[in-house]
Amino acid sequence: MSVKAGKATKKEKVIWKGQFDESRIDDKSHNDPRRPPRSKEEFAEYAKCAANPMHFINNYIQIQDPVMGRLAFLLYPFQKVVLKMFLRNRFNIVLKPRQMGLSWLVAVFALWLAMFRPHQNIIVISIKEETAKRFLDKIKYAYRYLPA
């Protein structure tokens, strides 16, 4: 989503103060966070997700595994510890081996912040531009496969 000044073109629809380009989303069955919950049950579930990123991740996030394809992201105990540290501390340094799922964890945490915390600035910085783009692709993938 980008915030622009001026009139919306035919391809763009005005959503609140920003612009949303629907042509950038392949799967139309995604969950639109701008749509308010419709029932008391949906509102309660939305409130749970907004209050607890572990609930949101364990119940709604799907990730892409290179071997197994799309699968539910169920947090391992060490990932829960890291997530709690993200919530408690503004700055974190994580010493870890490769292939521990930390990049997916950081990506879905950024998605959670963007969806449930207003006025967040999320900056992705990497040594190589391609690495930053792959990280953004992970966020887009998780967003695309949220339930409708």
Protein backbone atom coordinates (compact mmCIF):
# COMPACT_ATOMS: atom_id res chain seq x y z
CA MET A 1 0.00 0.00 0.00
CA SER A 2 1.34 3.41 -0.82
CA VAL A 3 0.09 6.80 0.19
CA LYS A 4 -0.28 9.15 -2.73
CA ALA A 5 -1.71 12.59 -3.26
CA GLY A 6 -4.12 13.27 -6.08
CA LYS A 7 -6.98 11.50 -7.81
CA ALA A 8 -7.18 7.74 -8.20
CA THR A 9 -6.92 6.35 -11.71
CA LYS A 10 -9.26 3.63 -12.99
CA LYS A 11 -6.86 0.90 -11.80
CA GLU A 12 -6.55 2.32 -8.30
CA LYS A 13 -9.21 2.42 -5.60
CA VAL A 14 -9.08 4.95 -2.80
CA ILE A 15 -8.94 3.22 0.60
CA TRP A 16 -9.01 5.65 3.52
CA LYS A 17 -6.08 8.05 2.99
CA GLY A 18 -3.96 5.73 0.81
CA GLN A 19 -4.12 4.03 -2.54
CA PHE A 20 -4.41 0.29 -3.07
CA ASP A 21 -3.53 -1.36 -6.35
CA GLU A 22 -5.57 -4.60 -6.61
CA SER A 23 -3.70 -5.70 -9.72
CA ARG A 24 -0.63 -6.44 -7.53
CA ILE A 25 -2.42 -9.27 -5.74
CA ASP A 26 -2.77 -12.54 -7.62
CA ASP A 27 -5.12 -14.41 -5.27
CA LYS A 28 -8.41 -12.59 -4.70
CA SER A 29 -9.34 -14.83 -1.73
CA HIS A 30 -6.84 -13.12 0.60
CA ASN A 31 -7.96 -11.49 3.83
CA ASP A 32 -8.26 -7.72 3.55
CA PRO A 33 -7.13 -6.15 6.85
CA ARG A 34 -8.96 -2.93 5.94
CA ARG A 35 -12.31 -4.73 6.10
CA PRO A 36 -13.67 -4.51 9.63
CA PRO A 37 -14.74 -7.76 11.33
CA ARG A 38 -18.35 -8.67 10.54
CA SER A 39 -19.42 -10.52 13.69
CA LYS A 40 -18.61 -10.59 17.40
CA GLU A 41 -16.65 -13.81 16.88
CA GLU A 42 -14.57 -12.27 14.09
CA PHE A 43 -13.94 -9.19 16.19
CA ALA A 44 -12.80 -11.34 19.13
CA GLU A 45 -10.46 -13.30 16.85
CA TYR A 46 -9.14 -10.09 15.31
CA ALA A 47 -8.47 -8.74 18.81
CA LYS A 48 -6.58 -11.94 19.73
CA CYS A 49 -4.43 -11.64 16.62
CA ALA A 50 -3.76 -7.95 17.26
CA ALA A 51 -2.77 -8.60 20.88
CA ASN A 52 -0.68 -11.73 20.35
CA PRO A 53 1.57 -12.29 17.31
CA MET A 54 2.10 -15.93 18.35
CA HIS A 55 -1.63 -16.58 18.01
CA PHE A 56 -1.67 -14.82 14.63
CA ILE A 57 1.36 -16.75 13.32
CA ASN A 58 0.37 -20.20 14.63
CA ASN A 59 -3.21 -19.95 13.39
CA TYR A 60 -3.10 -17.94 10.18
CA ILE A 61 0.36 -17.77 8.59
CA GLN A 62 1.48 -20.08 5.80
CA ILE A 63 5.05 -20.13 4.53
CA GLN A 64 6.78 -21.64 1.53
CA ASP A 65 9.22 -24.49 2.11
CA PRO A 66 11.55 -25.25 -0.82
CA VAL A 67 10.91 -29.01 -0.48
CA MET A 68 7.40 -29.34 0.97
CA GLY A 69 5.78 -26.27 -0.64
CA ARG A 70 3.18 -24.22 1.22
CA LEU A 71 2.68 -25.19 4.85
CA ALA A 72 1.42 -23.74 8.11
CA PHE A 73 3.98 -21.82 10.14
CA LEU A 74 3.96 -23.43 13.58
CA LEU A 75 6.48 -21.78 15.87
CA TYR A 76 9.24 -23.84 17.46
CA PRO A 77 10.06 -23.08 21.12
CA PHE A 78 13.22 -21.12 20.22
CA GLN A 79 11.21 -19.03 17.73
CA LYS A 80 8.73 -18.20 20.50
CA VAL A 81 11.61 -17.00 22.67
CA VAL A 82 12.95 -14.81 19.85
CA LEU A 83 9.48 -13.41 19.18
CA LYS A 84 9.06 -12.52 22.86
CA MET A 85 12.41 -10.73 22.72
CA PHE A 86 11.25 -8.80 19.64
CA LEU A 87 8.20 -7.65 21.60
CA ARG A 88 10.19 -6.68 24.70
CA ASN A 89 13.20 -4.98 23.11
CA ARG A 90 13.47 -2.40 20.41
CA PHE A 91 16.88 -3.65 19.24
CA ASN A 92 17.86 -7.33 19.04
CA ILE A 93 20.92 -9.30 18.02
CA VAL A 94 20.27 -12.98 17.37
CA LEU A 95 23.12 -15.47 17.15
CA LYS A 96 21.84 -18.51 15.27
CA PRO A 97 22.80 -21.17 12.74
CA ARG A 98 21.42 -21.21 9.20
CA GLN A 99 18.07 -22.77 8.27
CA MET A 100 16.37 -22.04 11.61
CA GLY A 101 13.41 -20.16 10.13
CA LEU A 102 14.43 -16.77 11.50
CA SER A 103 13.99 -14.89 8.22
CA TRP A 104 10.41 -16.20 7.97
CA LEU A 105 9.84 -15.26 11.61
CA VAL A 106 11.09 -11.72 11.06
CA ALA A 107 9.05 -11.44 7.84
CA VAL A 108 5.77 -12.48 9.48
CA PHE A 109 6.53 -10.31 12.52
CA ALA A 110 6.93 -7.35 10.13
CA LEU A 111 3.60 -8.33 8.53
CA TRP A 112 1.96 -8.49 11.97
CA LEU A 113 3.32 -5.04 12.83
CA ALA A 114 2.09 -3.61 9.53
CA MET A 115 -1.38 -5.10 9.94
CA PHE A 116 -2.05 -4.49 13.63
CA ARG A 117 0.11 -1.54 14.73
CA PRO A 118 -0.88 1.78 13.18
CA HIS A 119 1.76 4.19 11.95
CA GLN A 120 4.61 1.66 11.85
CA ASN A 121 7.65 2.34 9.71
CA ILE A 122 9.21 -0.95 8.68
CA ILE A 123 12.51 -0.71 6.87
CA VAL A 124 14.20 -3.63 5.12
CA ILE A 125 17.94 -3.18 4.71
CA SER A 126 20.37 -5.67 3.24
CA ILE A 127 23.83 -5.71 1.73
CA LYS A 128 22.35 -6.80 -1.61
CA GLU A 129 19.16 -5.43 -3.14
CA GLU A 130 18.13 -8.93 -4.25
CA THR A 131 18.22 -10.20 -0.65
CA ALA A 132 15.94 -7.37 0.48
CA LYS A 133 13.56 -8.14 -2.40
CA ARG A 134 13.43 -11.84 -1.43
CA PHE A 135 12.61 -10.81 2.14
CA LEU A 136 9.75 -8.61 0.90
CA ASP A 137 8.55 -11.53 -1.22
CA LYS A 138 8.23 -13.59 1.98
CA ILE A 139 6.04 -10.90 3.53
CA LYS A 140 3.89 -10.75 0.38
CA TYR A 141 3.59 -14.55 0.29
CA ALA A 142 2.42 -14.71 3.92
CA TYR A 143 -0.07 -11.88 3.28
CA ARG A 144 -1.38 -13.46 0.07
CA TYR A 145 -2.28 -16.71 1.82
CA LEU A 146 -4.09 -15.27 4.82
CA PRO A 147 -7.55 -16.81 5.06
CA ALA A 148 -10.50 -14.90 3.61
